[in-house]
Amino acid sequence: MTQARADRVIDGRDMEPPEPFVQTMEALDTIKPGQKVLLLLGREPIPLYRALELNGYSWQTERTAEGTVEVLMWHKQS
């Protein structure tokens, strides 16, 4: 996954919980349909997936060779 595919990138690898979650949800509130948010973390954000599902977002998760978890999120198509 490349950062170029995202309209907004949140690097949460050095943040303490719940800051990455808070920043991600705030960013998702500001994007328009067709735009995407990329979250970078050191571990998989299992609680985030439920929040995304409940709020109408789709996502794709990949782990890089360096161990970074990349979560690309966008509005579900109606």
C-alpha atoms as a PDB file:
ATOM      1  CA  MET A   1       0.000   0.000   0.000  1.00  0.00           C
ATOM      2  CA  THR A   2       1.374   3.390  -0.800  1.00  0.00           C
ATOM      3  CA  GLN A   3       0.781   6.670   0.954  1.00  0.00           C
ATOM      4  CA  ALA A   4       0.093   8.228  -2.445  1.00  0.00           C
ATOM      5  CA  ARG A   5      -3.310   6.469  -2.481  1.00  0.00           C
ATOM      6  CA  ALA A   6      -4.416   8.355   0.646  1.00  0.00           C
ATOM      7  CA  ASP A   7      -5.742  11.893   0.934  1.00  0.00           C
ATOM      8  CA  ARG A   8      -4.745  12.020   4.603  1.00  0.00           C
ATOM      9  CA  VAL A   9      -2.020  10.061   6.422  1.00  0.00           C
ATOM     10  CA  ILE A  10      -1.917   9.560  10.197  1.00  0.00           C
ATOM     11  CA  ASP A  11       1.327   8.148  11.552  1.00  0.00           C
ATOM     12  CA  GLY A  12       0.268   6.656  14.857  1.00  0.00           C
ATOM     13  CA  ARG A  13       3.381   4.546  15.430  1.00  0.00           C
ATOM     14  CA  ASP A  14       4.740   6.897  18.116  1.00  0.00           C
ATOM     15  CA  MET A  15       1.383   7.897  19.626  1.00  0.00           C
ATOM     16  CA  GLU A  16      -0.089   6.590  22.867  1.00  0.00           C
ATOM     17  CA  PRO A  17      -3.611   5.107  22.761  1.00  0.00           C
ATOM     18  CA  PRO A  18      -6.251   6.367  22.234  1.00  0.00           C
ATOM     19  CA  GLU A  19      -4.665   9.195  20.192  1.00  0.00           C
ATOM     20  CA  PRO A  20      -4.375   7.253  16.876  1.00  0.00           C
ATOM     21  CA  PHE A  21      -8.038   6.204  17.181  1.00  0.00           C
ATOM     22  CA  VAL A  22      -9.171   9.748  18.002  1.00  0.00           C
ATOM     23  CA  GLN A  23      -7.192  11.303  15.138  1.00  0.00           C
ATOM     24  CA  THR A  24      -8.410   8.640  12.713  1.00  0.00           C
ATOM     25  CA  MET A  25     -12.084   9.153  13.555  1.00  0.00           C
ATOM     26  CA  GLU A  26     -11.648  12.942  13.311  1.00  0.00           C
ATOM     27  CA  ALA A  27      -9.974  12.574   9.903  1.00  0.00           C
ATOM     28  CA  LEU A  28     -12.725  10.266   8.652  1.00  0.00           C
ATOM     29  CA  ASP A  29     -15.312  12.881   9.653  1.00  0.00           C
ATOM     30  CA  THR A  30     -13.638  15.394   7.319  1.00  0.00           C
ATOM     31  CA  ILE A  31     -13.161  13.351   4.141  1.00  0.00           C
ATOM     32  CA  LYS A  32     -15.531  13.401   1.202  1.00  0.00           C
ATOM     33  CA  PRO A  33     -16.768  10.284  -0.620  1.00  0.00           C
ATOM     34  CA  GLY A  34     -13.936   8.950  -2.770  1.00  0.00           C
ATOM     35  CA  GLN A  35     -11.236  10.206  -0.407  1.00  0.00           C
ATOM     36  CA  LYS A  36      -9.159   7.902   1.796  1.00  0.00           C
ATOM     37  CA  VAL A  37      -7.346   8.006   5.136  1.00  0.00           C
ATOM     38  CA  LEU A  38      -4.228   5.918   5.801  1.00  0.00           C
ATOM     39  CA  LEU A  39      -3.306   5.006   9.382  1.00  0.00           C
ATOM     40  CA  LEU A  40       0.192   3.696  10.157  1.00  0.00           C
ATOM     41  CA  LEU A  41       0.604   1.673  13.356  1.00  0.00           C
ATOM     42  CA  GLY A  42       2.949  -0.794  15.008  1.00  0.00           C
ATOM     43  CA  ARG A  43       0.169  -3.299  15.665  1.00  0.00           C
ATOM     44  CA  GLU A  44      -3.212  -4.215  14.237  1.00  0.00           C
ATOM     45  CA  PRO A  45      -5.984  -1.911  15.562  1.00  0.00           C
ATOM     46  CA  ILE A  46      -8.694  -4.498  16.258  1.00  0.00           C
ATOM     47  CA  PRO A  47     -11.037  -2.081  18.171  1.00  0.00           C
ATOM     48  CA  LEU A  48     -10.899   0.355  15.247  1.00  0.00           C
ATOM     49  CA  TYR A  49     -12.465  -2.180  12.864  1.00  0.00           C
ATOM     50  CA  ARG A  50     -15.703  -2.326  14.855  1.00  0.00           C
ATOM     51  CA  ALA A  51     -15.922   1.482  14.910  1.00  0.00           C
ATOM     52  CA  LEU A  52     -15.338   1.596  11.159  1.00  0.00           C
ATOM     53  CA  GLU A  53     -18.057  -0.998  10.544  1.00  0.00           C
ATOM     54  CA  LEU A  54     -20.570   0.826  12.768  1.00  0.00           C
ATOM     55  CA  ASN A  55     -19.851   4.179  11.097  1.00  0.00           C
ATOM     56  CA  GLY A  56     -20.113   3.052   7.461  1.00  0.00           C
ATOM     57  CA  TYR A  57     -16.476   2.783   6.407  1.00  0.00           C
ATOM     58  CA  SER A  58     -14.594   0.163   4.436  1.00  0.00           C
ATOM     59  CA  TRP A  59     -10.939  -0.621   5.011  1.00  0.00           C
ATOM     60  CA  GLN A  60      -7.979  -2.634   3.818  1.00  0.00           C
ATOM     61  CA  THR A  61      -5.153  -3.693   6.134  1.00  0.00           C
ATOM     62  CA  GLU A  62      -1.624  -4.675   5.133  1.00  0.00           C
ATOM     63  CA  ARG A  63       1.534  -5.347   7.123  1.00  0.00           C
ATOM     64  CA  THR A  64       4.769  -4.087   5.563  1.00  0.00           C
ATOM     65  CA  ALA A  65       8.035  -6.022   5.596  1.00  0.00           C
ATOM     66  CA  GLU A  66       9.218  -3.609   8.310  1.00  0.00           C
ATOM     67  CA  GLY A  67       6.262  -4.593  10.517  1.00  0.00           C
ATOM     68  CA  THR A  68       4.161  -1.452  10.104  1.00  0.00           C
ATOM     69  CA  VAL A  69       0.423  -2.069   9.913  1.00  0.00           C
ATOM     70  CA  GLU A  70      -1.199   0.122   7.249  1.00  0.00           C
ATOM     71  CA  VAL A  71      -4.969   0.606   7.392  1.00  0.00           C
ATOM     72  CA  LEU A  72      -6.510   2.372   4.390  1.00  0.00           C
ATOM     73  CA  MET A  73     -10.074   3.576   5.086  1.00  0.00           C
ATOM     74  CA  TRP A  74     -12.853   5.133   2.994  1.00  0.00           C
ATOM     75  CA  HIS A  75     -16.635   5.672   2.929  1.00  0.00           C
ATOM     76  CA  LYS A  76     -18.601   2.583   1.893  1.00  0.00           C
ATOM     77  CA  GLN A  77     -20.395   2.953  -1.408  1.00  0.00           C
ATOM     78  CA  SER A  78     -24.147   3.377  -0.998  1.00  0.00           C
END
